Amino acid sequence: MNSRMTARLDLTSKRTIGRFVLKMVTSFLVANFLAGERGYLEGVAAWLAFYALFAMVGSLLIKEAIAARSFNYWDEAAWLMLAACIVHIISRQPMV
């Protein structure tokens, strides 16, 4: 992102993006240590889905509106689930 674009984001949106990035990085790091039988990418997808579930629960607990003016936990949950689905699809592709 360029600095002009991030300057227009409010504090809630910036925090949401920061949490999303932190959870993405954490998912890749934790899956590296706990890959197990299913494999690394499946582990990453599982952790991303796990974090998405917690984002949804958090949003429900604080009664956030889905259609808010800022990015919020609902957006974070959607981004995390999308990332989990993409990683899951990639993990199922045969390596050539």
PDB file of N, CA and C in Angstrom:
ATOM      1  N   MET A   1       0.833  -1.177   0.000  1.00  0.00           N
ATOM      2  CA  MET A   1       0.000   0.000   0.000  1.00  0.00           C
ATOM      3  C   MET A   1       0.876   1.239   0.000  1.00  0.00           C
ATOM      4  N   ASN A   2       0.456   2.220  -0.734  1.00  0.00           N
ATOM      5  CA  ASN A   2       1.209   3.463  -0.675  1.00  0.00           C
ATOM      6  C   ASN A   2       0.722   4.306   0.490  1.00  0.00           C
ATOM      7  N   SER A   3       1.511   5.302   0.868  1.00  0.00           N
ATOM      8  CA  SER A   3       1.187   6.078   2.063  1.00  0.00           C
ATOM      9  C   SER A   3      -0.075   6.912   1.898  1.00  0.00           C
ATOM     10  N   ARG A   4      -0.390   7.331   0.668  1.00  0.00           N
ATOM     11  CA  ARG A   4      -1.613   8.099   0.450  1.00  0.00           C
ATOM     12  C   ARG A   4      -2.850   7.267   0.740  1.00  0.00           C
ATOM     13  N   MET A   5      -2.813   5.984   0.355  1.00  0.00           N
ATOM     14  CA  MET A   5      -3.979   5.126   0.558  1.00  0.00           C
ATOM     15  C   MET A   5      -4.182   4.820   2.047  1.00  0.00           C
ATOM     16  N   THR A   6      -3.116   4.537   2.775  1.00  0.00           N
ATOM     17  CA  THR A   6      -3.269   4.217   4.189  1.00  0.00           C
ATOM     18  C   THR A   6      -3.619   5.445   5.012  1.00  0.00           C
ATOM     19  N   ALA A   7      -3.296   6.631   4.518  1.00  0.00           N
ATOM     20  CA  ALA A   7      -3.614   7.849   5.255  1.00  0.00           C
ATOM     21  C   ALA A   7      -5.121   8.060   5.342  1.00  0.00           C
ATOM     22  N   ARG A   8      -5.884   7.526   4.404  1.00  0.00           N
ATOM     23  CA  ARG A   8      -7.334   7.690   4.405  1.00  0.00           C
ATOM     24  C   ARG A   8      -8.053   6.669   5.268  1.00  0.00           C
ATOM     25  N   LEU A   9      -7.364   5.646   5.709  1.00  0.00           N
ATOM     26  CA  LEU A   9      -8.000   4.636   6.556  1.00  0.00           C
ATOM     27  C   LEU A   9      -8.107   5.151   7.981  1.00  0.00           C
ATOM     28  N   ASP A  10      -9.228   4.857   8.628  1.00  0.00           N
ATOM     29  CA  ASP A  10      -9.360   5.242  10.030  1.00  0.00           C
ATOM     30  C   ASP A  10      -8.617   4.238  10.911  1.00  0.00           C
ATOM     31  N   LEU A  11      -8.537   4.550  12.185  1.00  0.00           N
ATOM     32  CA  LEU A  11      -7.778   3.725  13.118  1.00  0.00           C
ATOM     33  C   LEU A  11      -8.326   2.308  13.214  1.00  0.00           C
ATOM     34  N   THR A  12      -9.640   2.136  13.205  1.00  0.00           N
ATOM     35  CA  THR A  12     -10.250   0.802  13.278  1.00  0.00           C
ATOM     36  C   THR A  12      -9.853  -0.039  12.075  1.00  0.00           C
ATOM     37  N   SER A  13      -9.863   0.547  10.894  1.00  0.00           N
ATOM     38  CA  SER A  13      -9.477  -0.180   9.681  1.00  0.00           C
ATOM     39  C   SER A  13      -8.008  -0.566   9.724  1.00  0.00           C
ATOM     40  N   LYS A  14      -7.156   0.350  10.172  1.00  0.00           N
ATOM     41  CA  LYS A  14      -5.720   0.050  10.265  1.00  0.00           C
ATOM     42  C   LYS A  14      -5.469  -1.079  11.252  1.00  0.00           C
ATOM     43  N   ARG A  15      -6.175  -1.069  12.368  1.00  0.00           N
ATOM     44  CA  ARG A  15      -6.017  -2.149  13.354  1.00  0.00           C
ATOM     45  C   ARG A  15      -6.509  -3.481  12.797  1.00  0.00           C
ATOM     46  N   THR A  16      -7.591  -3.448  12.046  1.00  0.00           N
ATOM     47  CA  THR A  16      -8.123  -4.674  11.445  1.00  0.00           C
ATOM     48  C   THR A  16      -7.119  -5.258  10.455  1.00  0.00           C
ATOM     49  N   ILE A  17      -6.545  -4.427   9.621  1.00  0.00           N
ATOM     50  CA  ILE A  17      -5.543  -4.888   8.657  1.00  0.00           C
ATOM     51  C   ILE A  17      -4.321  -5.432   9.395  1.00  0.00           C
ATOM     52  N   GLY A  18      -3.906  -4.760  10.455  1.00  0.00           N
ATOM     53  CA  GLY A  18      -2.773  -5.236  11.244  1.00  0.00           C
ATOM     54  C   GLY A  18      -3.028  -6.593  11.871  1.00  0.00           C
ATOM     55  N   ARG A  19      -4.234  -6.783  12.425  1.00  0.00           N
ATOM     56  CA  ARG A  19      -4.583  -8.094  12.998  1.00  0.00           C
ATOM     57  C   ARG A  19      -4.583  -9.175  11.935  1.00  0.00           C
ATOM     58  N   PHE A  20      -5.117  -8.846  10.758  1.00  0.00           N
ATOM     59  CA  PHE A  20      -5.167  -9.816   9.665  1.00  0.00           C
ATOM     60  C   PHE A  20      -3.755 -10.248   9.273  1.00  0.00           C
ATOM     61  N   VAL A  21      -2.862  -9.290   9.091  1.00  0.00           N
ATOM     62  CA  VAL A  21      -1.481  -9.611   8.706  1.00  0.00           C
ATOM     63  C   VAL A  21      -0.812 -10.433   9.796  1.00  0.00           C
ATOM     64  N   LEU A  22      -1.005 -10.057  11.049  1.00  0.00           N
ATOM     65  CA  LEU A  22      -0.415 -10.804  12.161  1.00  0.00           C
ATOM     66  C   LEU A  22      -0.914 -12.251  12.183  1.00  0.00           C
ATOM     67  N   LYS A  23      -2.196 -12.455  11.953  1.00  0.00           N
ATOM     68  CA  LYS A  23      -2.762 -13.813  11.953  1.00  0.00           C
ATOM     69  C   LYS A  23      -2.290 -14.618  10.755  1.00  0.00           C
ATOM     70  N   MET A  24      -2.092 -13.955   9.620  1.00  0.00           N
ATOM     71  CA  MET A  24      -1.545 -14.657   8.450  1.00  0.00           C
ATOM     72  C   MET A  24      -0.134 -15.159   8.758  1.00  0.00           C
ATOM     73  N   VAL A  25       0.712 -14.276   9.253  1.00  0.00           N
ATOM     74  CA  VAL A  25       2.095 -14.641   9.566  1.00  0.00           C
ATOM     75  C   VAL A  25       2.131 -15.725  10.633  1.00  0.00           C
ATOM     76  N   THR A  26       1.327 -15.562  11.672  1.00  0.00           N
ATOM     77  CA  THR A  26       1.282 -16.550  12.752  1.00  0.00           C
ATOM     78  C   THR A  26       0.839 -17.910  12.233  1.00  0.00           C
ATOM     79  N   SER A  27      -0.125 -17.939  11.336  1.00  0.00           N
ATOM     80  CA  SER A  27      -0.610 -19.213  10.778  1.00  0.00           C
ATOM     81  C   SER A  27       0.499 -19.945  10.040  1.00  0.00           C
ATOM     82  N   PHE A  28       1.277 -19.221   9.255  1.00  0.00           N
ATOM     83  CA  PHE A  28       2.370 -19.852   8.518  1.00  0.00           C
ATOM     84  C   PHE A  28       3.468 -20.332   9.460  1.00  0.00           C
ATOM     85  N   LEU A  29       3.744 -19.573  10.518  1.00  0.00           N
ATOM     86  CA  LEU A  29       4.778 -19.980  11.466  1.00  0.00           C
ATOM     87  C   LEU A  29       4.340 -21.165  12.315  1.00  0.00           C
ATOM     88  N   VAL A  30       3.134 -21.130  12.842  1.00  0.00           N
ATOM     89  CA  VAL A  30       2.651 -22.214  13.699  1.00  0.00           C
ATOM     90  C   VAL A  30       2.516 -23.504  12.896  1.00  0.00           C
ATOM     91  N   ALA A  31       2.018 -23.410  11.681  1.00  0.00           N
ATOM     92  CA  ALA A  31       1.864 -24.608  10.846  1.00  0.00           C
ATOM     93  C   ALA A  31       3.218 -25.236  10.526  1.00  0.00           C
ATOM     94  N   ASN A  32       4.251 -24.421  10.499  1.00  0.00           N
ATOM     95  CA  ASN A  32       5.593 -24.942  10.239  1.00  0.00           C
ATOM     96  C   ASN A  32       6.021 -25.907  11.344  1.00  0.00           C
ATOM     97  N   PHE A  33       5.638 -25.627  12.576  1.00  0.00           N
ATOM     98  CA  PHE A  33       6.016 -26.471  13.703  1.00  0.00           C
ATOM     99  C   PHE A  33       5.029 -27.605  13.952  1.00  0.00           C
ATOM    100  N   LEU A  34       3.776 -27.421  13.548  1.00  0.00           N
ATOM    101  CA  LEU A  34       2.734 -28.408  13.846  1.00  0.00           C
ATOM    102  C   LEU A  34       2.122 -29.006  12.584  1.00  0.00           C
ATOM    103  N   ALA A  35       2.912 -29.203  11.553  1.00  0.00           N
ATOM    104  CA  ALA A  35       2.382 -29.666  10.264  1.00  0.00           C
ATOM    105  C   ALA A  35       1.704 -31.033  10.382  1.00  0.00           C
ATOM    106  N   GLY A  36       2.349 -31.969  11.005  1.00  0.00           N
ATOM    107  CA  GLY A  36       1.745 -33.286  11.198  1.00  0.00           C
ATOM    108  C   GLY A  36       1.538 -34.046   9.899  1.00  0.00           C
ATOM    109  N   GLU A  37       0.568 -34.968   9.926  1.00  0.00           N
ATOM    110  CA  GLU A  37       0.307 -35.857   8.794  1.00  0.00           C
ATOM    111  C   GLU A  37      -0.303 -35.138   7.596  1.00  0.00           C
ATOM    112  N   ARG A  38      -1.122 -34.146   7.847  1.00  0.00           N
ATOM    113  CA  ARG A  38      -1.879 -33.509   6.763  1.00  0.00           C
ATOM    114  C   ARG A  38      -1.026 -32.629   5.881  1.00  0.00           C
ATOM    115  N   GLY A  39       0.099 -32.182   6.362  1.00  0.00           N
ATOM    116  CA  GLY A  39       0.971 -31.359   5.557  1.00  0.00           C
ATOM    117  C   GLY A  39       0.945 -29.894   5.967  1.00  0.00           C
ATOM    118  N   TYR A  40       1.950 -29.196   5.514  1.00  0.00           N
ATOM    119  CA  TYR A  40       2.153 -27.809   5.905  1.00  0.00           C
ATOM    120  C   TYR A  40       1.012 -26.896   5.459  1.00  0.00           C
ATOM    121  N   LEU A  41       0.660 -26.932   4.172  1.00  0.00           N
ATOM    122  CA  LEU A  41      -0.364 -26.021   3.670  1.00  0.00           C
ATOM    123  C   LEU A  41      -1.738 -26.301   4.261  1.00  0.00           C
ATOM    124  N   GLU A  42      -2.046 -27.561   4.488  1.00  0.00           N
ATOM    125  CA  GLU A  42      -3.316 -27.887   5.147  1.00  0.00           C
ATOM    126  C   GLU A  42      -3.323 -27.351   6.572  1.00  0.00           C
ATOM    127  N   GLY A  43      -2.171 -27.385   7.226  1.00  0.00           N
ATOM    128  CA  GLY A  43      -2.057 -26.810   8.559  1.00  0.00           C
ATOM    129  C   GLY A  43      -2.272 -25.303   8.548  1.00  0.00           C
ATOM    130  N   VAL A  44      -1.696 -24.643   7.550  1.00  0.00           N
ATOM    131  CA  VAL A  44      -1.889 -23.197   7.408  1.00  0.00           C
ATOM    132  C   VAL A  44      -3.370 -22.889   7.200  1.00  0.00           C
ATOM    133  N   ALA A  45      -4.016 -23.630   6.313  1.00  0.00           N
ATOM    134  CA  ALA A  45      -5.446 -23.415   6.044  1.00  0.00           C
ATOM    135  C   ALA A  45      -6.281 -23.627   7.305  1.00  0.00           C
ATOM    136  N   ALA A  46      -5.937 -24.632   8.081  1.00  0.00           N
ATOM    137  CA  ALA A  46      -6.682 -24.904   9.316  1.00  0.00           C
ATOM    138  C   ALA A  46      -6.509 -23.765  10.316  1.00  0.00           C
ATOM    139  N   TRP A  47      -5.301 -23.267  10.484  1.00  0.00           N
ATOM    140  CA  TRP A  47      -5.082 -22.158  11.411  1.00  0.00           C
ATOM    141  C   TRP A  47      -5.791 -20.895  10.942  1.00  0.00           C
ATOM    142  N   LEU A  48      -5.780 -20.634   9.648  1.00  0.00           N
ATOM    143  CA  LEU A  48      -6.488 -19.455   9.137  1.00  0.00           C
ATOM    144  C   LEU A  48      -7.990 -19.559   9.399  1.00  0.00           C
ATOM    145  N   ALA A  49      -8.548 -20.740   9.182  1.00  0.00           N
ATOM    146  CA  ALA A  49      -9.973 -20.947   9.453  1.00  0.00           C
ATOM    147  C   ALA A  49     -10.265 -20.817  10.951  1.00  0.00           C
ATOM    148  N   PHE A  50      -9.370 -21.309  11.774  1.00  0.00           N
ATOM    149  CA  PHE A  50      -9.501 -21.205  13.222  1.00  0.00           C
ATOM    150  C   PHE A  50      -9.528 -19.730  13.651  1.00  0.00           C
ATOM    151  N   TYR A  51      -8.622 -18.934  13.111  1.00  0.00           N
ATOM    152  CA  TYR A  51      -8.594 -17.505  13.422  1.00  0.00           C
ATOM    153  C   TYR A  51      -9.841 -16.799  12.890  1.00  0.00           C
ATOM    154  N   ALA A  52     -10.350 -17.230  11.751  1.00  0.00           N
ATOM    155  CA  ALA A  52     -11.577 -16.637  11.207  1.00  0.00           C
ATOM    156  C   ALA A  52     -12.750 -16.906  12.149  1.00  0.00           C
ATOM    157  N   LEU A  53     -12.807 -18.098  12.687  1.00  0.00           N
ATOM    158  CA  LEU A  53     -13.862 -18.433  13.643  1.00  0.00           C
ATOM    159  C   LEU A  53     -13.799 -17.514  14.861  1.00  0.00           C
ATOM    160  N   PHE A  54     -12.598 -17.295  15.382  1.00  0.00           N
ATOM    161  CA  PHE A  54     -12.451 -16.403  16.524  1.00  0.00           C
ATOM    162  C   PHE A  54     -12.804 -14.962  16.183  1.00  0.00           C
ATOM    163  N   ALA A  55     -12.511 -14.527  14.965  1.00  0.00           N
ATOM    164  CA  ALA A  55     -12.894 -13.178  14.548  1.00  0.00           C
ATOM    165  C   ALA A  55     -14.417 -13.048  14.507  1.00  0.00           C
ATOM    166  N   MET A  56     -15.100 -14.085  14.019  1.00  0.00           N
ATOM    167  CA  MET A  56     -16.565 -14.052  13.992  1.00  0.00           C
ATOM    168  C   MET A  56     -17.149 -14.042  15.404  1.00  0.00           C
ATOM    169  N   VAL A  57     -16.600 -14.852  16.290  1.00  0.00           N
ATOM    170  CA  VAL A  57     -17.076 -14.883  17.676  1.00  0.00           C
ATOM    171  C   VAL A  57     -16.844 -13.523  18.335  1.00  0.00           C
ATOM    172  N   GLY A  58     -15.673 -12.947  18.117  1.00  0.00           N
ATOM    173  CA  GLY A  58     -15.391 -11.628  18.669  1.00  0.00           C
ATOM    174  C   GLY A  58     -16.356 -10.576  18.167  1.00  0.00           C
ATOM    175  N   SER A  59     -16.673 -10.644  16.889  1.00  0.00           N
ATOM    176  CA  SER A  59     -17.609  -9.692  16.302  1.00  0.00           C
ATOM    177  C   SER A  59     -19.008  -9.851  16.889  1.00  0.00           C
ATOM    178  N   LEU A  60     -19.411 -11.085  17.094  1.00  0.00           N
ATOM    179  CA  LEU A  60     -20.722 -11.323  17.708  1.00  0.00           C
ATOM    180  C   LEU A  60     -20.762 -10.839  19.158  1.00  0.00           C
ATOM    181  N   LEU A  61     -19.680 -11.052  19.879  1.00  0.00           N
ATOM    182  CA  LEU A  61     -19.645 -10.661  21.287  1.00  0.00           C
ATOM    183  C   LEU A  61     -19.722  -9.148  21.471  1.00  0.00           C
ATOM    184  N   ILE A  62     -19.071  -8.404  20.575  1.00  0.00           N
ATOM    185  CA  ILE A  62     -19.113  -6.943  20.721  1.00  0.00           C
ATOM    186  C   ILE A  62     -20.219  -6.320  19.867  1.00  0.00           C
ATOM    187  N   LYS A  63     -21.021  -7.176  19.226  1.00  0.00           N
ATOM    188  CA  LYS A  63     -22.191  -6.753  18.445  1.00  0.00           C
ATOM    189  C   LYS A  63     -21.844  -5.741  17.360  1.00  0.00           C
ATOM    190  N   GLU A  64     -20.816  -6.100  16.567  1.00  0.00           N
ATOM    191  CA  GLU A  64     -20.405  -5.254  15.454  1.00  0.00           C
ATOM    192  C   GLU A  64     -21.365  -5.399  14.286  1.00  0.00           C
ATOM    193  N   ALA A  65     -21.621  -4.317  13.613  1.00  0.00           N
ATOM    194  CA  ALA A  65     -22.465  -4.353  12.412  1.00  0.00           C
ATOM    195  C   ALA A  65     -21.642  -4.888  11.243  1.00  0.00           C
ATOM    196  N   ILE A  66     -22.269  -5.712  10.415  1.00  0.00           N
ATOM    197  CA  ILE A  66     -21.566  -6.258   9.255  1.00  0.00           C
ATOM    198  C   ILE A  66     -21.247  -5.147   8.266  1.00  0.00           C
ATOM    199  N   ALA A  67     -22.179  -4.252   8.047  1.00  0.00           N
ATOM    200  CA  ALA A  67     -21.987  -3.170   7.072  1.00  0.00           C
ATOM    201  C   ALA A  67     -21.560  -1.893   7.792  1.00  0.00           C
ATOM    202  N   ALA A  68     -20.368  -1.899   8.369  1.00  0.00           N
ATOM    203  CA  ALA A  68     -19.848  -0.721   9.066  1.00  0.00           C
ATOM    204  C   ALA A  68     -19.042   0.142   8.094  1.00  0.00           C
ATOM    205  N   ARG A  69     -18.782   1.371   8.500  1.00  0.00           N
ATOM    206  CA  ARG A  69     -18.002   2.289   7.663  1.00  0.00           C
ATOM    207  C   ARG A  69     -16.522   1.902   7.624  1.00  0.00           C
ATOM    208  N   SER A  70     -16.053   1.209   8.636  1.00  0.00           N
ATOM    209  CA  SER A  70     -14.655   0.812   8.736  1.00  0.00           C
ATOM    210  C   SER A  70     -14.540  -0.696   8.564  1.00  0.00           C
ATOM    211  N   PHE A  71     -13.322  -1.137   8.249  1.00  0.00           N
ATOM    212  CA  PHE A  71     -13.066  -2.565   8.302  1.00  0.00           C
ATOM    213  C   PHE A  71     -13.212  -2.988   9.755  1.00  0.00           C
ATOM    214  N   ASN A  72     -13.748  -4.201   9.964  1.00  0.00           N
ATOM    215  CA  ASN A  72     -13.942  -4.677  11.332  1.00  0.00           C
ATOM    216  C   ASN A  72     -13.709  -6.181  11.388  1.00  0.00           C
ATOM    217  N   TYR A  73     -14.107  -6.783  12.494  1.00  0.00           N
ATOM    218  CA  TYR A  73     -13.892  -8.227  12.663  1.00  0.00           C
ATOM    219  C   TYR A  73     -14.601  -9.055  11.588  1.00  0.00           C
ATOM    220  N   TRP A  74     -15.743  -8.588  11.099  1.00  0.00           N
ATOM    221  CA  TRP A  74     -16.440  -9.328  10.040  1.00  0.00           C
ATOM    222  C   TRP A  74     -15.587  -9.357   8.769  1.00  0.00           C
ATOM    223  N   ASP A  75     -14.989  -8.232   8.431  1.00  0.00           N
ATOM    224  CA  ASP A  75     -14.113  -8.188   7.258  1.00  0.00           C
ATOM    225  C   ASP A  75     -12.902  -9.084   7.460  1.00  0.00           C
ATOM    226  N   GLU A  76     -12.331  -9.008   8.651  1.00  0.00           N
ATOM    227  CA  GLU A  76     -11.171  -9.850   8.962  1.00  0.00           C
ATOM    228  C   GLU A  76     -11.526 -11.329   8.834  1.00  0.00           C
ATOM    229  N   ALA A  77     -12.683 -11.717   9.340  1.00  0.00           N
ATOM    230  CA  ALA A  77     -13.113 -13.119   9.244  1.00  0.00           C
ATOM    231  C   ALA A  77     -13.273 -13.534   7.781  1.00  0.00           C
ATOM    232  N   ALA A  78     -13.851 -12.660   6.974  1.00  0.00           N
ATOM    233  CA  ALA A  78     -14.029 -12.977   5.554  1.00  0.00           C
ATOM    234  C   ALA A  78     -12.678 -13.115   4.853  1.00  0.00           C
ATOM    235  N   TRP A  79     -11.755 -12.208   5.138  1.00  0.00           N
ATOM    236  CA  TRP A  79     -10.420 -12.285   4.519  1.00  0.00           C
ATOM    237  C   TRP A  79      -9.697 -13.556   4.944  1.00  0.00           C
ATOM    238  N   LEU A  80      -9.796 -13.903   6.230  1.00  0.00           N
ATOM    239  CA  LEU A  80      -9.129 -15.106   6.722  1.00  0.00           C
ATOM    240  C   LEU A  80      -9.720 -16.364   6.097  1.00  0.00           C
ATOM    241  N   MET A  81     -11.042 -16.428   5.958  1.00  0.00           N
ATOM    242  CA  MET A  81     -11.661 -17.604   5.331  1.00  0.00           C
ATOM    243  C   MET A  81     -11.294 -17.690   3.856  1.00  0.00           C
ATOM    244  N   LEU A  82     -11.248 -16.556   3.180  1.00  0.00           N
ATOM    245  CA  LEU A  82     -10.820 -16.552   1.777  1.00  0.00           C
ATOM    246  C   LEU A  82      -9.390 -17.063   1.664  1.00  0.00           C
ATOM    247  N   ALA A  83      -8.513 -16.574   2.525  1.00  0.00           N
ATOM    248  CA  ALA A  83      -7.124 -17.034   2.512  1.00  0.00           C
ATOM    249  C   ALA A  83      -7.043 -18.527   2.816  1.00  0.00           C
ATOM    250  N   ALA A  84      -7.847 -18.999   3.775  1.00  0.00           N
ATOM    251  CA  ALA A  84      -7.857 -20.425   4.114  1.00  0.00           C
ATOM    252  C   ALA A  84      -8.308 -21.260   2.918  1.00  0.00           C
ATOM    253  N   CYS A  85      -9.334 -20.794   2.213  1.00  0.00           N
ATOM    254  CA  CYS A  85      -9.820 -21.525   1.034  1.00  0.00           C
ATOM    255  C   CYS A  85      -8.775 -21.552  -0.074  1.00  0.00           C
ATOM    256  N   ILE A  86      -8.114 -20.436  -0.299  1.00  0.00           N
ATOM    257  CA  ILE A  86      -7.083 -20.373  -1.340  1.00  0.00           C
ATOM    258  C   ILE A  86      -5.925 -21.298  -1.005  1.00  0.00           C
ATOM    259  N   VAL A  87      -5.462 -21.270   0.245  1.00  0.00           N
ATOM    260  CA  VAL A  87      -4.356 -22.147   0.648  1.00  0.00           C
ATOM    261  C   VAL A  87      -4.784 -23.605   0.553  1.00  0.00           C
ATOM    262  N   HIS A  88      -6.007 -23.909   0.931  1.00  0.00           N
ATOM    263  CA  HIS A  88      -6.506 -25.283   0.834  1.00  0.00           C
ATOM    264  C   HIS A  88      -6.535 -25.747  -0.622  1.00  0.00           C
ATOM    265  N   ILE A  89      -6.999 -24.907  -1.525  1.00  0.00           N
ATOM    266  CA  ILE A  89      -7.047 -25.261  -2.952  1.00  0.00           C
ATOM    267  C   ILE A  89      -5.637 -25.471  -3.490  1.00  0.00           C
ATOM    268  N   ILE A  90      -4.718 -24.583  -3.105  1.00  0.00           N
ATOM    269  CA  ILE A  90      -3.324 -24.719  -3.554  1.00  0.00           C
ATOM    270  C   ILE A  90      -2.722 -26.016  -3.039  1.00  0.00           C
ATOM    271  N   SER A  91      -3.049 -26.392  -1.813  1.00  0.00           N
ATOM    272  CA  SER A  91      -2.471 -27.610  -1.239  1.00  0.00           C
ATOM    273  C   SER A  91      -2.957 -28.874  -1.939  1.00  0.00           C
ATOM    274  N   ARG A  92      -4.108 -28.798  -2.590  1.00  0.00           N
ATOM    275  CA  ARG A  92      -4.667 -29.949  -3.283  1.00  0.00           C
ATOM    276  C   ARG A  92      -4.171 -30.075  -4.726  1.00  0.00           C
ATOM    277  N   GLN A  93      -3.465 -29.074  -5.226  1.00  0.00           N
ATOM    278  CA  GLN A  93      -2.979 -29.114  -6.600  1.00  0.00           C
ATOM    279  C   GLN A  93      -1.772 -30.037  -6.676  1.00  0.00           C
ATOM    280  N   PRO A  94      -1.712 -30.902  -7.684  1.00  0.00           N
ATOM    281  CA  PRO A  94      -0.542 -31.775  -7.819  1.00  0.00           C
ATOM    282  C   PRO A  94       0.686 -30.961  -8.190  1.00  0.00           C
ATOM    283  N   MET A  95       1.782 -31.283  -7.543  1.00  0.00           N
ATOM    284  CA  MET A  95       3.047 -30.609  -7.855  1.00  0.00           C
ATOM    285  C   MET A  95       3.699 -31.304  -9.032  1.00  0.00           C
ATOM    286  N   VAL A  96       4.083 -30.528 -10.012  1.00  0.00           N
ATOM    287  CA  VAL A  96       4.691 -31.091 -11.224  1.00  0.00           C
ATOM    288  C   VAL A  96       6.177 -30.929 -11.174  1.00  0.00           C
TER     289      VAL A  96
END
